Every structure is written in structure tokens, then in C-alpha cells.
Amino acid sequence: MDTILSRLNLTGTDVKLFSLIASNEALRQRLEADIAAGVREPEVIERSLRYQGCYAAQNTEKLDVSALTAEQAAAVICGRL
């Protein structure tokens, strides 16, 4: 992320970085729904669960979306800008 940001002209901007995180159970339920709908492959579950820990190390504001809809998460983010 830092590499990408370093290549941008951010003069006069205030960059806000967010990581949307979810509990393992919430993540699994959402991915299973996507798999059932045919928009994801089953192997996405284990891969996504492995990536969960990577977000803790990111220099971002964490937002737990386990119990939020996409619309609710967007509203929370808008409120923090």
C-alpha cells in the first residue's frame, strides 16, 4: 500500500485508510453465501481466513463489519471522514 501511495501526487489531500475486517465466522458465512450464489469458488474460504491476520499489521483504521451490511459500513466510513 505504501508503494502505491508513494507514487501518487497527494498534495493537498488527506488520505484515510480503512481495513474492513470480520470475525472468522462472519467471513465464512458471507463467503459460503457467495459460493452458493455461484460468484465465488469454494477454495476462497481457506485463503480468506489465512489473510485475516495480515490486516492487523496494516497501518489502517480497522472497521469490524461482522454485523454490518455494506450500506451500514459505508455510512460508518462516511462518518469518519
Protein backbone atom coordinates (compact mmCIF):
# COMPACT_ATOMS: atom_id res chain seq x y z
CA MET A 1 0.00 0.00 0.00
CA ASP A 2 2.81 2.41 0.86
CA THR A 3 4.39 1.76 -2.54
CA ILE A 4 1.20 2.68 -4.35
CA LEU A 5 0.63 5.78 -2.24
CA SER A 6 4.23 6.91 -2.74
CA ARG A 7 3.65 7.04 -6.50
CA LEU A 8 0.64 9.34 -6.26
CA ASN A 9 0.63 13.11 -6.06
CA LEU A 10 -1.21 13.58 -2.79
CA THR A 11 -0.53 17.29 -2.40
CA GLY A 12 -3.50 18.92 -0.72
CA THR A 13 -5.18 15.63 0.11
CA ASP A 14 -5.96 13.85 3.34
CA VAL A 15 -5.73 10.11 2.76
CA LYS A 16 -7.81 7.89 5.04
CA LEU A 17 -7.09 4.16 5.03
CA PHE A 18 -9.61 1.62 6.26
CA SER A 19 -9.48 -2.16 6.60
CA LEU A 20 -12.85 -3.87 6.70
CA ILE A 21 -12.47 -6.87 8.97
CA ALA A 22 -14.89 -9.54 10.12
CA SER A 23 -14.90 -12.41 12.55
CA ASN A 24 -13.90 -15.74 11.05
CA GLU A 25 -17.47 -16.97 11.42
CA ALA A 26 -19.00 -13.91 9.73
CA LEU A 27 -16.44 -14.10 6.94
CA ARG A 28 -17.13 -17.79 6.41
CA GLN A 29 -20.92 -17.21 6.31
CA ARG A 30 -20.60 -14.42 3.76
CA LEU A 31 -18.26 -16.42 1.56
CA GLU A 32 -20.49 -19.51 1.77
CA ALA A 33 -23.42 -17.39 0.59
CA ASP A 34 -21.33 -16.17 -2.36
CA ILE A 35 -20.31 -19.74 -3.19
CA ALA A 36 -23.96 -20.85 -3.09
CA ALA A 37 -24.82 -17.96 -5.43
CA GLY A 38 -22.09 -19.07 -7.82
CA VAL A 39 -19.98 -15.91 -7.56
CA ARG A 40 -17.02 -17.46 -5.72
CA GLU A 41 -15.19 -20.77 -5.70
CA PRO A 42 -15.04 -22.92 -2.51
CA GLU A 43 -11.26 -22.50 -2.06
CA VAL A 44 -11.80 -18.81 -1.29
CA ILE A 45 -12.80 -19.65 2.29
CA GLU A 46 -9.47 -21.05 3.48
CA ARG A 47 -7.50 -18.42 1.56
CA SER A 48 -9.55 -15.58 3.04
CA LEU A 49 -9.27 -16.97 6.56
CA ARG A 50 -5.47 -17.14 6.15
CA TYR A 51 -5.39 -13.48 5.08
CA GLN A 52 -7.31 -12.34 8.16
CA GLY A 53 -4.12 -11.89 10.19
CA CYS A 54 -2.50 -9.72 7.53
CA TYR A 55 -4.89 -6.85 8.16
CA ALA A 56 -3.74 -6.35 11.76
CA ALA A 57 -0.31 -5.28 10.52
CA GLN A 58 -1.70 -2.72 8.08
CA ASN A 59 -1.45 0.94 9.04
CA THR A 60 -5.19 1.45 8.64
CA GLU A 61 -8.23 2.18 10.73
CA LYS A 62 -9.94 -1.15 11.35
CA LEU A 63 -13.70 -1.42 10.98
CA ASP A 64 -15.33 -4.64 12.15
CA VAL A 65 -18.12 -5.32 9.67
CA SER A 66 -19.13 -8.68 11.11
CA ALA A 67 -22.62 -7.43 11.92
CA LEU A 68 -22.87 -4.64 9.34
CA THR A 69 -24.37 -4.56 5.87
CA ALA A 70 -22.39 -2.92 3.08
CA GLU A 71 -24.62 0.14 3.40
CA GLN A 72 -24.03 0.36 7.14
CA ALA A 73 -20.27 0.01 6.69
CA ALA A 74 -20.31 2.80 4.10
CA ALA A 75 -22.24 5.03 6.50
CA VAL A 76 -19.71 4.39 9.28
CA ILE A 77 -16.82 5.22 6.93
CA CYS A 78 -18.55 8.41 5.76
CA GLY A 79 -18.98 9.40 9.39
CA ARG A 80 -15.25 9.02 9.99
CA LEU A 81 -14.16 11.17 7.08
